[in-house]
Amino acid sequence: MIKKSLKDELLLIADNYERSLKLVEYLFRNKKDKEGEPYINHLLRVSNKLSNSNTKVAGLLHDTVEDTKVTFDDLKQLGFNDEIIKLVKLVTNDKTNIVLSKKAWLENYHNKITKILESNNVEAIKLKYSDMSDNFNQERLSKLDEKTKTHLVNKYQNEIVRLENYLKERGEII
């Protein structure tokens, strides 16, 4: 749910990138990442690695539905096109509150990556790769406590290779 005043302000911005930037600046203004840095920096790094204009916008928005009260319908009402929304949907994790074992959770994540790969949507795969490579960045990982670092390594190490191989096989550079 977005305040009417913000929605009205956002709808005045014609450029999708500028509109998405303004939205995430507002939504993530007080959020920090695992390192204690402003979360918006992650969204900017992910977006900046991408070249397609719709994918760059989706890069900014990729955690919006997952981590805030904003819905896909809200994004549509804010004027984001179907391609942007489709990209965000493909990379968004379900908001389930089910507690899974570590093994089941990793299997669930593996299935999510499989679903993205099976979509054959190269832009969504680039977006997820950009997101994961930022989260798996060795410099960022080195600043984390061992438990968090181990969790992220287990989560990303095999899955990022799958995405990277898909992109390499198709001559896609990110």
Protein backbone atom coordinates (compact mmCIF):
# COMPACT_ATOMS: atom_id res chain seq x y z
CA MET A 1 0.00 0.00 0.00
CA ILE A 2 1.41 3.35 -1.03
CA LYS A 3 0.27 6.68 0.42
CA LYS A 4 -1.89 8.63 -2.03
CA SER A 5 0.38 11.67 -1.89
CA LEU A 6 3.42 9.56 -2.82
CA LYS A 7 1.48 7.73 -5.53
CA ASP A 8 0.37 11.05 -7.03
CA GLU A 9 3.96 12.33 -6.94
CA LEU A 10 5.30 9.15 -8.54
CA LEU A 11 2.70 9.24 -11.32
CA LEU A 12 4.02 12.65 -12.36
CA ILE A 13 7.42 11.10 -13.17
CA ALA A 14 7.35 9.89 -16.78
CA ASP A 15 10.65 7.99 -16.75
CA ASN A 16 10.32 4.46 -15.34
CA TYR A 17 13.84 4.47 -13.91
CA GLU A 18 13.39 7.78 -12.12
CA ARG A 19 9.97 6.69 -10.82
CA SER A 20 11.33 3.38 -9.52
CA LEU A 21 14.32 5.12 -7.92
CA LYS A 22 12.06 7.57 -6.10
CA LEU A 23 9.84 4.68 -4.95
CA VAL A 24 12.67 2.53 -3.57
CA GLU A 25 14.36 5.54 -1.98
CA TYR A 26 11.15 6.02 -0.02
CA LEU A 27 10.39 2.35 0.73
CA PHE A 28 13.92 1.43 1.81
CA ARG A 29 14.89 4.76 3.40
CA ASN A 30 15.42 3.26 6.86
CA LYS A 31 16.44 -0.27 5.90
CA LYS A 32 19.99 -1.56 6.32
CA ASP A 33 21.60 -4.62 4.72
CA LYS A 34 23.39 -7.39 6.62
CA GLU A 35 26.53 -5.24 6.76
CA GLY A 36 24.65 -2.30 8.26
CA GLU A 37 24.87 -0.29 5.04
CA PRO A 38 21.86 1.46 3.43
CA TYR A 39 19.83 -1.23 1.61
CA ILE A 40 19.27 1.10 -1.34
CA ASN A 41 22.95 0.58 -2.24
CA HIS A 42 22.23 -3.09 -3.01
CA LEU A 43 19.33 -2.14 -5.28
CA LEU A 44 21.47 0.42 -7.11
CA ARG A 45 24.37 -2.03 -7.58
CA VAL A 46 22.01 -4.69 -8.96
CA SER A 47 20.38 -2.23 -11.36
CA ASN A 48 23.69 -0.70 -12.48
CA LYS A 49 25.01 -4.11 -13.62
CA LEU A 50 22.15 -4.43 -16.11
CA SER A 51 21.85 -2.82 -19.55
CA ASN A 52 18.25 -3.31 -20.72
CA SER A 53 16.13 -0.34 -19.57
CA ASN A 54 13.23 -2.47 -18.30
CA THR A 55 15.63 -4.81 -16.52
CA LYS A 56 17.43 -1.88 -14.88
CA VAL A 57 14.09 -0.71 -13.48
CA ALA A 58 13.25 -4.25 -12.34
CA GLY A 59 16.70 -4.32 -10.70
CA LEU A 60 15.68 -1.39 -8.53
CA LEU A 61 12.28 -2.92 -7.80
CA HIS A 62 13.32 -6.57 -7.37
CA ASP A 63 12.95 -6.65 -3.56
CA THR A 64 9.98 -4.29 -3.35
CA VAL A 65 7.13 -6.83 -3.28
CA GLU A 66 9.14 -9.34 -1.25
CA ASP A 67 10.32 -6.91 1.44
CA THR A 68 7.60 -4.23 1.67
CA LYS A 69 3.80 -4.00 1.63
CA VAL A 70 3.82 -2.99 -2.05
CA THR A 71 2.01 -5.44 -4.34
CA PHE A 72 2.33 -6.21 -8.03
CA ASP A 73 -0.99 -4.43 -8.48
CA ASP A 74 0.51 -1.33 -6.82
CA LEU A 75 3.40 -1.44 -9.31
CA LYS A 76 0.90 -1.65 -12.17
CA GLN A 77 -1.06 1.30 -10.77
CA LEU A 78 2.19 3.26 -10.60
CA GLY A 79 2.54 2.87 -14.35
CA PHE A 80 5.23 0.22 -14.57
CA ASN A 81 4.83 -1.81 -17.75
CA ASP A 82 4.02 -5.51 -17.98
CA GLU A 83 7.61 -6.47 -18.84
CA ILE A 84 8.99 -4.82 -15.70
CA ILE A 85 6.33 -6.44 -13.54
CA LYS A 86 6.95 -9.83 -15.16
CA LEU A 87 10.68 -9.57 -14.41
CA VAL A 88 10.03 -8.62 -10.80
CA LYS A 89 7.52 -11.48 -10.43
CA LEU A 90 9.97 -14.04 -11.79
CA VAL A 91 12.66 -13.15 -9.24
CA THR A 92 10.41 -12.49 -6.23
CA ASN A 93 10.37 -15.13 -3.50
CA ASP A 94 7.06 -16.14 -1.97
CA LYS A 95 6.17 -14.43 1.30
CA THR A 96 5.39 -17.63 3.14
CA ASN A 97 5.90 -17.84 6.87
CA ILE A 98 6.40 -21.58 6.81
CA VAL A 99 9.42 -22.67 8.81
CA LEU A 100 11.49 -25.13 6.80
CA SER A 101 14.45 -27.25 7.72
CA LYS A 102 17.76 -26.05 6.29
CA LYS A 103 17.69 -28.83 3.70
CA ALA A 104 14.08 -28.10 2.69
CA TRP A 105 14.81 -24.37 2.53
CA LEU A 106 17.81 -24.92 0.23
CA GLU A 107 15.73 -27.26 -1.93
CA ASN A 108 12.99 -24.63 -2.12
CA TYR A 109 15.56 -22.02 -3.20
CA HIS A 110 16.99 -24.43 -5.78
CA ASN A 111 13.46 -24.90 -7.17
CA LYS A 112 13.01 -21.12 -7.36
CA ILE A 113 16.19 -20.79 -9.42
CA THR A 114 15.05 -23.71 -11.61
CA LYS A 115 11.76 -21.91 -12.24
CA ILE A 116 13.62 -18.76 -13.31
CA LEU A 117 15.91 -20.78 -15.61
CA GLU A 118 12.99 -22.70 -17.10
CA SER A 119 11.27 -19.41 -17.95
CA ASN A 120 14.06 -18.88 -20.52
CA ASN A 121 13.62 -15.17 -19.81
CA VAL A 122 17.21 -14.04 -20.30
CA GLU A 123 16.55 -10.64 -18.73
CA ALA A 124 15.08 -12.23 -15.58
CA ILE A 125 18.07 -14.57 -15.40
CA LYS A 126 20.44 -11.62 -15.75
CA LEU A 127 18.52 -9.81 -13.02
CA LYS A 128 18.68 -12.76 -10.63
CA TYR A 129 22.37 -13.27 -11.44
CA SER A 130 23.06 -9.60 -10.75
CA ASP A 131 21.20 -9.82 -7.44
CA MET A 132 22.93 -13.01 -6.36
CA SER A 133 26.39 -11.88 -7.44
CA ASP A 134 25.98 -8.73 -5.34
CA ASN A 135 24.83 -10.78 -2.34
CA PHE A 136 27.67 -13.28 -2.93
CA ASN A 137 30.35 -10.61 -3.41
CA GLN A 138 33.43 -11.79 -1.50
CA GLU A 139 34.27 -8.32 -0.19
CA ARG A 140 30.75 -7.98 1.25
CA LEU A 141 30.81 -11.53 2.63
CA SER A 142 34.12 -10.90 4.40
CA LYS A 143 32.42 -8.23 6.54
CA LEU A 144 29.79 -10.62 7.90
CA ASP A 145 29.82 -12.87 10.93
CA GLU A 146 30.65 -16.52 10.23
CA LYS A 147 27.09 -17.81 10.68
CA THR A 148 25.63 -15.33 8.17
CA LYS A 149 28.51 -15.86 5.76
CA THR A 150 28.12 -19.64 5.89
CA HIS A 151 24.38 -19.34 5.32
CA LEU A 152 24.86 -17.13 2.24
CA VAL A 153 27.62 -19.32 0.80
CA ASN A 154 25.40 -22.38 1.16
CA LYS A 155 22.50 -20.51 -0.39
CA TYR A 156 24.30 -19.01 -3.37
CA GLN A 157 27.42 -21.00 -4.32
CA ASN A 158 25.75 -23.66 -6.49
CA GLU A 159 22.83 -21.59 -7.71
CA ILE A 160 24.91 -18.70 -9.00
CA VAL A 161 26.94 -21.16 -11.09
CA ARG A 162 23.72 -22.46 -12.67
CA LEU A 163 22.68 -18.93 -13.66
CA GLU A 164 26.16 -18.05 -14.87
CA ASN A 165 26.36 -21.21 -17.01
CA TYR A 166 22.98 -20.47 -18.59
CA LEU A 167 24.12 -16.97 -19.54
CA LYS A 168 27.54 -18.13 -20.81
CA GLU A 169 25.95 -20.86 -22.95
CA ARG A 170 23.89 -18.17 -24.67
CA GLY A 171 26.73 -15.70 -25.09
CA GLU A 172 25.10 -13.26 -22.68
CA ILE A 173 27.41 -10.95 -20.84
CA ILE A 174 26.46 -9.24 -17.63
